[in-house]
N, C-alpha and C. Protein backbone atom coordinates (compact mmCIF):
# COMPACT_ATOMS: atom_id res chain seq x y z
N UNK A 1 112.52 4.28 -51.82
CA UNK A 1 112.74 5.52 -52.50
C UNK A 1 112.97 5.23 -53.99
N UNK A 2 112.35 6.01 -54.84
CA UNK A 2 112.46 5.83 -56.29
C UNK A 2 113.84 6.25 -56.77
N UNK A 3 114.34 5.48 -57.73
CA UNK A 3 115.65 5.78 -58.30
C UNK A 3 115.51 6.89 -59.35
N UNK A 4 116.40 7.87 -59.29
CA UNK A 4 116.38 8.96 -60.26
C UNK A 4 117.36 8.64 -61.38
N UNK A 5 116.89 8.75 -62.62
CA UNK A 5 117.74 8.50 -63.78
C UNK A 5 117.79 9.76 -64.63
N UNK A 6 118.98 10.05 -65.08
CA UNK A 6 119.13 11.19 -65.97
C UNK A 6 118.93 10.73 -67.40
N UNK A 7 118.23 11.52 -68.18
CA UNK A 7 118.00 11.21 -69.59
C UNK A 7 118.75 12.23 -70.43
N UNK A 8 119.30 11.80 -71.57
CA UNK A 8 119.99 12.75 -72.42
C UNK A 8 119.02 13.81 -72.93
N UNK A 9 119.51 15.02 -73.01
CA UNK A 9 118.69 16.12 -73.50
C UNK A 9 119.39 16.78 -74.66
N UNK A 10 118.66 17.07 -75.68
CA UNK A 10 119.21 17.73 -76.86
C UNK A 10 119.67 19.14 -76.51
N UNK A 11 120.75 19.57 -77.12
CA UNK A 11 121.21 20.95 -76.96
C UNK A 11 120.23 21.91 -77.61
N UNK A 12 119.35 21.37 -78.46
CA UNK A 12 118.38 22.21 -79.17
C UNK A 12 116.98 22.10 -78.58
N UNK A 13 116.87 21.50 -77.39
CA UNK A 13 115.56 21.36 -76.74
C UNK A 13 114.92 22.73 -76.59
N UNK A 14 113.69 22.84 -77.02
CA UNK A 14 112.95 24.10 -76.93
C UNK A 14 113.15 25.01 -78.15
N UNK A 15 114.13 24.72 -78.98
CA UNK A 15 114.38 25.56 -80.15
C UNK A 15 113.72 25.00 -81.41
N UNK A 16 113.74 23.69 -81.58
CA UNK A 16 113.17 23.06 -82.76
C UNK A 16 111.69 22.78 -82.49
N UNK A 17 110.86 23.72 -82.84
CA UNK A 17 109.43 23.57 -82.64
C UNK A 17 108.81 23.20 -83.98
N UNK A 18 108.18 22.02 -84.06
CA UNK A 18 107.60 21.59 -85.34
C UNK A 18 106.65 22.64 -85.91
N UNK A 19 106.72 22.80 -87.23
CA UNK A 19 105.85 23.75 -87.92
C UNK A 19 106.52 24.33 -89.13
N UNK A 20 105.80 25.25 -89.80
CA UNK A 20 106.33 25.94 -90.98
C UNK A 20 106.67 27.37 -90.61
N UNK A 21 107.79 27.84 -91.14
CA UNK A 21 108.30 29.17 -90.79
C UNK A 21 108.82 29.88 -92.03
N UNK A 22 109.02 31.19 -91.88
CA UNK A 22 109.60 31.97 -92.97
C UNK A 22 108.57 32.29 -94.02
N UNK A 23 109.02 32.35 -95.26
CA UNK A 23 108.17 32.71 -96.38
C UNK A 23 106.93 31.82 -96.45
N UNK A 24 105.81 32.44 -96.78
CA UNK A 24 104.56 31.70 -96.89
C UNK A 24 104.60 30.80 -98.12
N UNK A 25 103.78 29.78 -98.13
CA UNK A 25 103.72 28.87 -99.26
C UNK A 25 104.45 27.58 -98.95
N UNK A 26 104.67 26.82 -99.99
CA UNK A 26 105.35 25.53 -99.85
C UNK A 26 106.79 25.76 -99.39
N UNK A 27 107.20 25.14 -98.28
CA UNK A 27 108.58 25.36 -97.80
C UNK A 27 109.61 24.78 -98.75
N UNK A 28 110.71 25.51 -98.94
CA UNK A 28 111.80 25.06 -99.81
C UNK A 28 112.85 24.26 -99.07
N UNK A 29 112.72 24.20 -97.74
CA UNK A 29 113.74 23.55 -96.92
C UNK A 29 113.08 22.77 -95.79
N UNK A 30 113.61 21.61 -95.51
CA UNK A 30 113.19 20.81 -94.35
C UNK A 30 114.37 20.76 -93.38
N UNK A 31 114.14 21.14 -92.15
CA UNK A 31 115.18 21.14 -91.12
C UNK A 31 114.83 20.13 -90.04
N UNK A 32 115.84 19.44 -89.57
CA UNK A 32 115.63 18.47 -88.50
C UNK A 32 116.94 18.26 -87.75
N UNK A 33 116.81 17.89 -86.50
CA UNK A 33 117.99 17.47 -85.74
C UNK A 33 118.13 15.97 -85.90
N UNK A 34 119.34 15.52 -86.17
CA UNK A 34 119.62 14.09 -86.21
C UNK A 34 120.24 13.71 -84.88
N UNK A 35 119.86 12.58 -84.36
CA UNK A 35 120.38 12.13 -83.07
C UNK A 35 121.12 10.82 -83.29
N UNK A 36 122.41 10.89 -83.69
CA UNK A 36 123.16 9.66 -83.93
C UNK A 36 123.24 8.79 -82.68
N UNK A 37 123.24 7.48 -82.89
CA UNK A 37 123.37 6.54 -81.78
C UNK A 37 124.76 6.66 -81.15
N UNK A 38 125.72 7.10 -81.93
CA UNK A 38 127.08 7.25 -81.43
C UNK A 38 127.88 8.15 -82.35
N UNK A 39 128.85 8.85 -81.77
CA UNK A 39 129.77 9.69 -82.53
C UNK A 39 131.17 9.38 -82.00
N UNK A 40 132.08 9.04 -82.92
CA UNK A 40 133.43 8.64 -82.52
C UNK A 40 134.46 9.38 -83.34
N UNK A 41 135.42 10.00 -82.67
CA UNK A 41 136.56 10.63 -83.36
C UNK A 41 137.61 9.55 -83.57
N UNK A 42 138.15 9.50 -84.79
CA UNK A 42 139.18 8.52 -85.14
C UNK A 42 140.40 9.28 -85.62
N UNK A 43 141.53 9.07 -84.98
CA UNK A 43 142.77 9.73 -85.37
C UNK A 43 143.82 8.66 -85.63
N UNK A 44 144.37 8.67 -86.85
CA UNK A 44 145.37 7.68 -87.23
C UNK A 44 146.66 7.92 -86.46
N UNK A 45 147.29 6.86 -86.06
CA UNK A 45 148.60 6.97 -85.42
C UNK A 45 149.62 7.35 -86.49
N UNK A 46 150.76 7.87 -86.08
CA UNK A 46 151.80 8.33 -87.01
C UNK A 46 152.13 7.26 -88.03
N UNK A 47 152.03 7.64 -89.30
CA UNK A 47 152.37 6.74 -90.39
C UNK A 47 151.33 5.69 -90.71
N UNK A 48 150.17 5.71 -90.04
CA UNK A 48 149.15 4.69 -90.23
C UNK A 48 147.94 5.18 -91.02
N UNK A 49 148.00 6.40 -91.59
CA UNK A 49 146.85 6.95 -92.32
C UNK A 49 146.35 6.00 -93.39
N UNK A 50 147.27 5.56 -94.26
CA UNK A 50 146.89 4.73 -95.40
C UNK A 50 146.35 3.37 -94.94
N UNK A 51 146.99 2.77 -93.94
CA UNK A 51 146.54 1.47 -93.45
C UNK A 51 145.15 1.57 -92.82
N UNK A 52 144.92 2.63 -92.07
CA UNK A 52 143.63 2.83 -91.43
C UNK A 52 142.55 3.10 -92.48
N UNK A 53 142.86 3.99 -93.43
CA UNK A 53 141.89 4.30 -94.48
C UNK A 53 141.54 3.05 -95.27
N UNK A 54 142.52 2.21 -95.54
CA UNK A 54 142.29 0.98 -96.28
C UNK A 54 141.46 -0.01 -95.45
N UNK A 55 141.77 -0.13 -94.17
CA UNK A 55 141.06 -1.08 -93.30
C UNK A 55 139.58 -0.75 -93.17
N UNK A 56 139.25 0.55 -93.12
CA UNK A 56 137.86 0.96 -92.92
C UNK A 56 137.21 1.50 -94.19
N UNK A 57 137.97 1.66 -95.27
CA UNK A 57 137.42 2.25 -96.48
C UNK A 57 137.13 3.73 -96.33
N UNK A 58 138.00 4.43 -95.60
CA UNK A 58 137.79 5.85 -95.31
C UNK A 58 138.23 6.74 -96.45
N UNK A 59 137.62 7.93 -96.59
CA UNK A 59 138.09 8.85 -97.63
C UNK A 59 139.47 9.38 -97.27
N UNK A 60 140.34 9.51 -98.27
CA UNK A 60 141.71 9.98 -98.04
C UNK A 60 141.76 11.51 -97.93
N UNK A 61 140.72 12.18 -98.34
CA UNK A 61 140.65 13.64 -98.27
C UNK A 61 139.22 14.05 -97.97
N UNK A 62 138.90 15.34 -98.14
CA UNK A 62 137.55 15.79 -97.83
C UNK A 62 136.48 14.94 -98.50
N UNK A 63 135.57 14.45 -97.71
CA UNK A 63 134.49 13.62 -98.22
C UNK A 63 133.88 12.78 -97.12
N UNK A 64 132.96 11.92 -97.51
CA UNK A 64 132.34 11.01 -96.55
C UNK A 64 132.04 9.69 -97.24
N UNK A 65 132.01 8.64 -96.47
CA UNK A 65 131.61 7.33 -96.96
C UNK A 65 130.66 6.71 -95.95
N UNK A 66 129.73 5.94 -96.46
CA UNK A 66 128.79 5.26 -95.60
C UNK A 66 129.11 3.77 -95.64
N UNK A 67 129.22 3.16 -94.49
CA UNK A 67 129.42 1.72 -94.37
C UNK A 67 128.30 1.20 -93.48
N UNK A 68 127.25 0.72 -94.10
CA UNK A 68 126.07 0.31 -93.34
C UNK A 68 125.42 1.54 -92.73
N UNK A 69 125.23 1.52 -91.43
CA UNK A 69 124.61 2.65 -90.74
C UNK A 69 125.64 3.65 -90.21
N UNK A 70 126.91 3.42 -90.46
CA UNK A 70 127.95 4.33 -89.98
C UNK A 70 128.45 5.18 -91.13
N UNK A 71 128.47 6.50 -90.94
CA UNK A 71 129.02 7.42 -91.92
C UNK A 71 130.33 7.97 -91.37
N UNK A 72 131.39 7.85 -92.17
CA UNK A 72 132.70 8.37 -91.80
C UNK A 72 132.92 9.67 -92.55
N UNK A 73 133.20 10.75 -91.82
CA UNK A 73 133.43 12.06 -92.42
C UNK A 73 134.88 12.46 -92.16
N UNK A 74 135.61 12.79 -93.23
CA UNK A 74 136.99 13.25 -93.10
C UNK A 74 136.95 14.59 -92.37
N UNK A 75 137.79 14.74 -91.34
CA UNK A 75 137.80 15.99 -90.58
C UNK A 75 139.16 16.67 -90.56
N UNK A 76 140.12 16.11 -91.26
CA UNK A 76 141.47 16.67 -91.34
C UNK A 76 142.42 15.55 -91.70
N UNK A 77 143.67 15.88 -92.02
CA UNK A 77 144.64 14.83 -92.38
C UNK A 77 144.74 13.76 -91.29
N UNK A 78 144.45 12.52 -91.65
CA UNK A 78 144.53 11.42 -90.70
C UNK A 78 143.46 11.43 -89.63
N UNK A 79 142.35 12.17 -89.87
CA UNK A 79 141.29 12.28 -88.86
C UNK A 79 139.92 12.13 -89.51
N UNK A 80 139.05 11.40 -88.82
CA UNK A 80 137.69 11.20 -89.29
C UNK A 80 136.76 11.22 -88.09
N UNK A 81 135.49 11.47 -88.35
CA UNK A 81 134.46 11.34 -87.32
C UNK A 81 133.45 10.34 -87.84
N UNK A 82 133.12 9.35 -87.02
CA UNK A 82 132.15 8.32 -87.39
C UNK A 82 130.82 8.64 -86.72
N UNK A 83 129.77 8.76 -87.53
CA UNK A 83 128.42 9.02 -87.03
C UNK A 83 127.62 7.74 -87.22
N UNK A 84 127.17 7.17 -86.13
CA UNK A 84 126.48 5.89 -86.11
C UNK A 84 124.98 6.15 -86.04
N UNK A 85 124.27 5.81 -87.10
CA UNK A 85 122.83 6.03 -87.16
C UNK A 85 122.05 4.83 -86.60
N UNK A 86 122.70 4.02 -85.81
CA UNK A 86 122.03 2.87 -85.22
C UNK A 86 122.55 1.58 -85.81
N UNK A 87 123.84 1.52 -85.99
CA UNK A 87 124.46 0.33 -86.59
C UNK A 87 124.26 -0.88 -85.69
N UNK A 88 124.40 -2.02 -86.30
CA UNK A 88 124.27 -3.27 -85.56
C UNK A 88 125.45 -3.41 -84.60
N UNK A 89 125.29 -4.25 -83.63
CA UNK A 89 126.37 -4.51 -82.68
C UNK A 89 127.59 -5.06 -83.43
N UNK A 90 127.36 -5.83 -84.49
CA UNK A 90 128.46 -6.39 -85.27
C UNK A 90 129.28 -5.28 -85.94
N UNK A 91 128.59 -4.28 -86.52
CA UNK A 91 129.31 -3.17 -87.17
C UNK A 91 130.09 -2.37 -86.14
N UNK A 92 129.48 -2.12 -84.99
CA UNK A 92 130.16 -1.37 -83.93
C UNK A 92 131.38 -2.13 -83.42
N UNK A 93 131.25 -3.45 -83.30
CA UNK A 93 132.37 -4.21 -82.78
C UNK A 93 133.51 -4.22 -83.79
N UNK A 94 133.20 -4.15 -85.10
CA UNK A 94 134.25 -4.05 -86.12
C UNK A 94 135.04 -2.78 -85.96
N UNK A 95 134.39 -1.69 -85.64
CA UNK A 95 135.06 -0.42 -85.42
C UNK A 95 135.88 -0.49 -84.13
N UNK A 96 135.32 -1.06 -83.09
CA UNK A 96 136.01 -1.15 -81.81
C UNK A 96 137.18 -2.12 -81.86
N UNK A 97 137.15 -3.07 -82.81
CA UNK A 97 138.20 -4.08 -82.88
C UNK A 97 139.44 -3.63 -83.63
N UNK A 98 139.45 -2.39 -84.11
CA UNK A 98 140.64 -1.90 -84.82
C UNK A 98 141.85 -1.98 -83.89
N UNK A 99 142.95 -2.45 -84.39
CA UNK A 99 144.14 -2.52 -83.54
C UNK A 99 144.58 -1.13 -83.09
N UNK A 100 145.00 -1.03 -81.84
CA UNK A 100 145.48 0.25 -81.30
C UNK A 100 146.64 0.80 -82.12
N UNK A 101 147.33 -0.06 -82.86
CA UNK A 101 148.47 0.39 -83.66
C UNK A 101 148.02 1.28 -84.80
N UNK A 102 146.76 1.17 -85.22
CA UNK A 102 146.24 1.97 -86.34
C UNK A 102 145.75 3.34 -85.91
N UNK A 103 145.00 3.40 -84.81
CA UNK A 103 144.29 4.64 -84.49
C UNK A 103 143.96 4.77 -83.02
N UNK A 104 143.67 6.01 -82.65
CA UNK A 104 143.11 6.31 -81.35
C UNK A 104 141.67 6.73 -81.60
N UNK A 105 140.74 6.16 -80.83
CA UNK A 105 139.33 6.50 -80.99
C UNK A 105 138.81 7.10 -79.70
N UNK A 106 138.01 8.14 -79.85
CA UNK A 106 137.43 8.83 -78.70
C UNK A 106 135.93 8.91 -78.88
N UNK A 107 135.19 8.43 -77.89
CA UNK A 107 133.73 8.50 -77.93
C UNK A 107 133.32 9.95 -77.66
N UNK A 108 132.62 10.54 -78.62
CA UNK A 108 132.17 11.92 -78.48
C UNK A 108 130.72 11.99 -78.01
N UNK A 109 130.10 10.82 -77.85
CA UNK A 109 128.75 10.72 -77.29
C UNK A 109 127.85 11.89 -77.58
N UNK A 110 127.45 12.60 -76.57
CA UNK A 110 126.54 13.74 -76.73
C UNK A 110 127.25 15.05 -76.96
N UNK A 111 128.48 15.01 -77.44
CA UNK A 111 129.27 16.24 -77.60
C UNK A 111 129.04 16.95 -78.92
N UNK A 112 128.16 16.45 -79.78
CA UNK A 112 127.91 17.05 -81.09
C UNK A 112 126.42 17.25 -81.33
N UNK A 113 126.10 18.29 -82.06
CA UNK A 113 124.76 18.53 -82.57
C UNK A 113 124.84 18.31 -84.07
N UNK A 114 123.88 17.59 -84.62
CA UNK A 114 123.86 17.34 -86.07
C UNK A 114 122.51 17.81 -86.62
N UNK A 115 122.57 18.72 -87.59
CA UNK A 115 121.37 19.21 -88.27
C UNK A 115 121.31 18.63 -89.68
N UNK A 116 120.10 18.37 -90.13
CA UNK A 116 119.86 17.95 -91.52
C UNK A 116 119.16 19.08 -92.22
N UNK A 117 119.71 19.51 -93.37
CA UNK A 117 119.14 20.59 -94.17
C UNK A 117 118.87 20.01 -95.55
N UNK A 118 117.60 19.85 -95.90
CA UNK A 118 117.23 19.22 -97.16
C UNK A 118 116.20 20.08 -97.88
N UNK A 119 115.99 19.76 -99.14
CA UNK A 119 114.98 20.45 -99.93
C UNK A 119 115.60 21.18 -101.10
N UNK A 120 114.74 21.65 -102.02
CA UNK A 120 115.24 22.28 -103.24
C UNK A 120 116.04 23.56 -103.03
N UNK A 121 115.83 24.24 -101.92
CA UNK A 121 116.55 25.50 -101.67
C UNK A 121 117.69 25.34 -100.66
N UNK A 122 118.01 24.11 -100.28
CA UNK A 122 119.03 23.89 -99.24
C UNK A 122 120.38 24.47 -99.63
N UNK A 123 120.83 24.25 -100.87
CA UNK A 123 122.13 24.76 -101.30
C UNK A 123 122.18 26.28 -101.24
N UNK A 124 121.10 26.93 -101.70
CA UNK A 124 121.10 28.40 -101.69
C UNK A 124 121.10 28.96 -100.28
N UNK A 125 120.38 28.32 -99.37
CA UNK A 125 120.36 28.79 -97.98
C UNK A 125 121.74 28.59 -97.34
N UNK A 126 122.33 27.42 -97.55
CA UNK A 126 123.64 27.15 -96.93
C UNK A 126 124.76 27.98 -97.55
N UNK A 127 124.58 28.40 -98.79
CA UNK A 127 125.59 29.26 -99.43
C UNK A 127 125.73 30.59 -98.68
N UNK A 128 124.71 30.99 -97.93
CA UNK A 128 124.78 32.21 -97.13
C UNK A 128 125.70 32.03 -95.92
N UNK A 129 125.90 30.78 -95.50
CA UNK A 129 126.62 30.51 -94.25
C UNK A 129 128.00 29.89 -94.45
N UNK A 130 128.15 29.07 -95.49
CA UNK A 130 129.37 28.29 -95.65
C UNK A 130 130.29 28.91 -96.70
N UNK A 131 131.56 29.14 -96.36
CA UNK A 131 132.49 29.75 -97.32
C UNK A 131 133.13 28.71 -98.25
N UNK A 132 132.31 27.78 -98.75
CA UNK A 132 132.81 26.75 -99.67
C UNK A 132 131.88 26.71 -100.87
N UNK A 133 132.35 26.15 -101.96
CA UNK A 133 131.57 26.03 -103.19
C UNK A 133 130.57 24.89 -103.04
N UNK A 134 129.29 25.21 -103.02
CA UNK A 134 128.25 24.20 -102.86
C UNK A 134 127.58 23.81 -104.17
N UNK A 135 128.11 24.30 -105.30
CA UNK A 135 127.55 23.91 -106.59
C UNK A 135 127.63 22.38 -106.70
N UNK A 136 126.61 21.74 -107.29
CA UNK A 136 126.62 20.27 -107.38
C UNK A 136 127.87 19.69 -108.04
N UNK A 137 128.51 20.44 -108.94
CA UNK A 137 129.73 19.92 -109.57
C UNK A 137 130.92 19.93 -108.63
N UNK A 138 130.86 20.76 -107.58
CA UNK A 138 131.96 20.84 -106.62
C UNK A 138 131.63 20.12 -105.31
N UNK A 139 130.36 20.06 -104.94
CA UNK A 139 129.96 19.46 -103.67
C UNK A 139 128.76 18.56 -103.94
N UNK A 140 129.04 17.39 -104.47
CA UNK A 140 127.99 16.43 -104.81
C UNK A 140 127.90 15.34 -103.75
N UNK A 141 127.17 14.27 -104.05
CA UNK A 141 127.06 13.16 -103.11
C UNK A 141 128.43 12.64 -102.67
N UNK A 142 128.54 12.33 -101.40
CA UNK A 142 129.75 11.84 -100.73
C UNK A 142 130.80 12.92 -100.54
N UNK A 143 130.41 14.19 -100.74
CA UNK A 143 131.34 15.30 -100.46
C UNK A 143 131.28 15.62 -98.97
N UNK A 144 132.34 16.19 -98.47
CA UNK A 144 132.38 16.59 -97.08
C UNK A 144 133.46 17.64 -96.89
N UNK A 145 133.34 18.42 -95.83
CA UNK A 145 134.32 19.47 -95.56
C UNK A 145 134.32 19.84 -94.08
N UNK A 146 135.47 20.22 -93.61
CA UNK A 146 135.61 20.84 -92.29
C UNK A 146 135.73 22.33 -92.59
N UNK A 147 134.78 23.12 -92.11
CA UNK A 147 134.73 24.53 -92.47
C UNK A 147 134.07 25.33 -91.35
N UNK A 148 133.58 26.50 -91.69
CA UNK A 148 132.88 27.35 -90.74
C UNK A 148 131.47 27.61 -91.26
N UNK A 149 130.53 27.79 -90.35
CA UNK A 149 129.17 28.23 -90.68
C UNK A 149 128.86 29.36 -89.72
N UNK A 150 128.79 30.57 -90.24
CA UNK A 150 128.54 31.73 -89.38
C UNK A 150 129.56 31.79 -88.24
N UNK A 151 130.81 31.57 -88.56
CA UNK A 151 131.95 31.61 -87.62
C UNK A 151 131.98 30.44 -86.63
N UNK A 152 131.17 29.42 -86.87
CA UNK A 152 131.12 28.25 -86.00
C UNK A 152 131.85 27.11 -86.71
N UNK A 153 132.83 26.46 -86.06
CA UNK A 153 133.49 25.32 -86.71
C UNK A 153 132.51 24.17 -86.90
N UNK A 154 132.42 23.66 -88.13
CA UNK A 154 131.47 22.60 -88.44
C UNK A 154 132.10 21.56 -89.37
N UNK A 155 131.50 20.39 -89.38
CA UNK A 155 131.70 19.40 -90.43
C UNK A 155 130.41 19.41 -91.23
N UNK A 156 130.53 19.47 -92.54
CA UNK A 156 129.35 19.42 -93.40
C UNK A 156 129.57 18.32 -94.43
N UNK A 157 128.56 17.51 -94.66
CA UNK A 157 128.68 16.44 -95.64
C UNK A 157 127.33 16.18 -96.29
N UNK A 158 127.41 15.57 -97.47
CA UNK A 158 126.23 15.26 -98.26
C UNK A 158 126.27 13.78 -98.61
N UNK A 159 125.64 12.91 -97.79
CA UNK A 159 125.68 11.48 -98.08
C UNK A 159 125.10 11.19 -99.47
N UNK A 160 123.98 11.82 -99.78
CA UNK A 160 123.38 11.77 -101.11
C UNK A 160 122.34 12.88 -101.17
N UNK A 161 121.87 13.21 -102.37
CA UNK A 161 120.94 14.32 -102.52
C UNK A 161 119.67 14.13 -101.70
N UNK A 162 119.15 12.91 -101.68
CA UNK A 162 117.90 12.64 -100.96
C UNK A 162 118.05 12.86 -99.46
N UNK A 163 119.22 12.53 -98.92
CA UNK A 163 119.44 12.66 -97.48
C UNK A 163 119.63 14.12 -97.07
N UNK A 164 119.99 14.99 -98.01
CA UNK A 164 120.23 16.38 -97.68
C UNK A 164 121.60 16.57 -97.05
N UNK A 165 121.90 17.81 -96.73
CA UNK A 165 123.17 18.16 -96.10
C UNK A 165 123.09 17.85 -94.60
N UNK A 166 124.19 17.38 -94.06
CA UNK A 166 124.31 17.17 -92.62
C UNK A 166 125.38 18.13 -92.12
N UNK A 167 125.08 18.81 -91.02
CA UNK A 167 126.04 19.76 -90.44
C UNK A 167 126.19 19.43 -88.96
N UNK A 168 127.43 19.19 -88.54
CA UNK A 168 127.70 18.87 -87.14
C UNK A 168 128.59 19.94 -86.53
N UNK A 169 128.28 20.29 -85.30
CA UNK A 169 129.12 21.25 -84.56
C UNK A 169 129.21 20.79 -83.11
N UNK A 170 130.09 21.44 -82.36
CA UNK A 170 130.18 21.17 -80.93
C UNK A 170 128.85 21.50 -80.28
N UNK A 171 128.47 20.71 -79.31
CA UNK A 171 127.19 20.88 -78.62
C UNK A 171 127.00 22.30 -78.11
N UNK A 172 128.04 22.91 -77.59
CA UNK A 172 127.91 24.25 -77.03
C UNK A 172 127.59 25.32 -78.08
N UNK A 173 127.82 25.01 -79.36
CA UNK A 173 127.49 25.94 -80.44
C UNK A 173 126.15 25.59 -81.11
N UNK A 174 125.48 24.56 -80.62
CA UNK A 174 124.26 24.07 -81.26
C UNK A 174 123.19 25.13 -81.44
N UNK A 175 122.89 25.88 -80.40
CA UNK A 175 121.83 26.91 -80.50
C UNK A 175 122.22 27.99 -81.50
N UNK A 176 123.48 28.41 -81.48
CA UNK A 176 123.94 29.44 -82.42
C UNK A 176 123.85 28.93 -83.86
N UNK A 177 124.23 27.67 -84.09
CA UNK A 177 124.13 27.10 -85.43
C UNK A 177 122.67 27.03 -85.86
N UNK A 178 121.80 26.60 -84.97
CA UNK A 178 120.37 26.53 -85.30
C UNK A 178 119.85 27.90 -85.72
N UNK A 179 120.17 28.94 -84.97
CA UNK A 179 119.70 30.28 -85.31
C UNK A 179 120.23 30.74 -86.67
N UNK A 180 121.50 30.44 -86.94
CA UNK A 180 122.10 30.82 -88.23
C UNK A 180 121.43 30.08 -89.38
N UNK A 181 121.24 28.77 -89.24
CA UNK A 181 120.64 27.97 -90.31
C UNK A 181 119.18 28.35 -90.51
N UNK A 182 118.41 28.48 -89.45
CA UNK A 182 117.00 28.82 -89.60
C UNK A 182 116.84 30.23 -90.15
N UNK A 183 117.74 31.13 -89.79
CA UNK A 183 117.70 32.49 -90.36
C UNK A 183 117.98 32.49 -91.85
N UNK A 184 118.96 31.69 -92.28
CA UNK A 184 119.29 31.59 -93.71
C UNK A 184 118.16 30.91 -94.48
N UNK A 185 117.43 30.02 -93.83
CA UNK A 185 116.36 29.27 -94.50
C UNK A 185 115.05 30.05 -94.57
N UNK A 186 114.89 31.07 -93.74
CA UNK A 186 113.61 31.80 -93.66
C UNK A 186 113.18 32.38 -95.00
N UNK A 187 114.12 32.87 -95.80
CA UNK A 187 113.81 33.45 -97.10
C UNK A 187 113.08 32.46 -98.01
N UNK A 188 113.39 31.18 -97.88
CA UNK A 188 112.83 30.15 -98.75
C UNK A 188 111.65 29.43 -98.11
N UNK A 189 111.38 29.71 -96.86
CA UNK A 189 110.38 28.99 -96.09
C UNK A 189 110.96 27.64 -95.67
N UNK A 190 110.74 27.26 -94.43
CA UNK A 190 111.27 25.98 -93.97
C UNK A 190 110.27 25.31 -93.04
N UNK A 191 110.41 24.02 -92.98
CA UNK A 191 109.55 23.22 -92.11
C UNK A 191 110.40 22.42 -91.16
N UNK A 192 110.02 22.43 -89.89
CA UNK A 192 110.69 21.63 -88.87
C UNK A 192 109.81 20.42 -88.63
N UNK A 193 110.37 19.25 -88.86
CA UNK A 193 109.62 18.00 -88.69
C UNK A 193 109.43 17.70 -87.21
N UNK A 194 108.31 17.03 -86.87
CA UNK A 194 108.10 16.64 -85.46
C UNK A 194 109.05 15.54 -85.05
């Protein structure tokens, strides 16, 4: 008898159909789902915020830092979420080797949906959804925030201008976030990459 194996399925399966949508002409926005190799919540133990931030080079307030293929996004006082874009086993073991005295880490695996919103009109489209100042002087490279997008709790960060904005939400809100983002992007025209 053949062995049955379950494969991970995106919360956005069937929604992200490659093509151009919205306004005709050259699209002003590129939308894509990012599929991190791993997502880990990191919460500092009482009184260990500074030691943990120093050990990993984490932002002390709203923002993000990239260490190799892992991006750490501040999600609240003493809390960060690590998004692993395929880090080496050595980088992952460095994260896993943190002493328990510093932090508690929880594997969030497939519990998050991450969208990438890039292009010349990305800021204007996201300004329709996010109640934060997205002007480049206020939200530039390495900026990050825990906020809402169309009433959905999200983490939003900008690793750099070329990478575009990254927005993460709970998996169960993934379809709603996709509809909100694609609706805001329609005015500018958007393309979904294959």
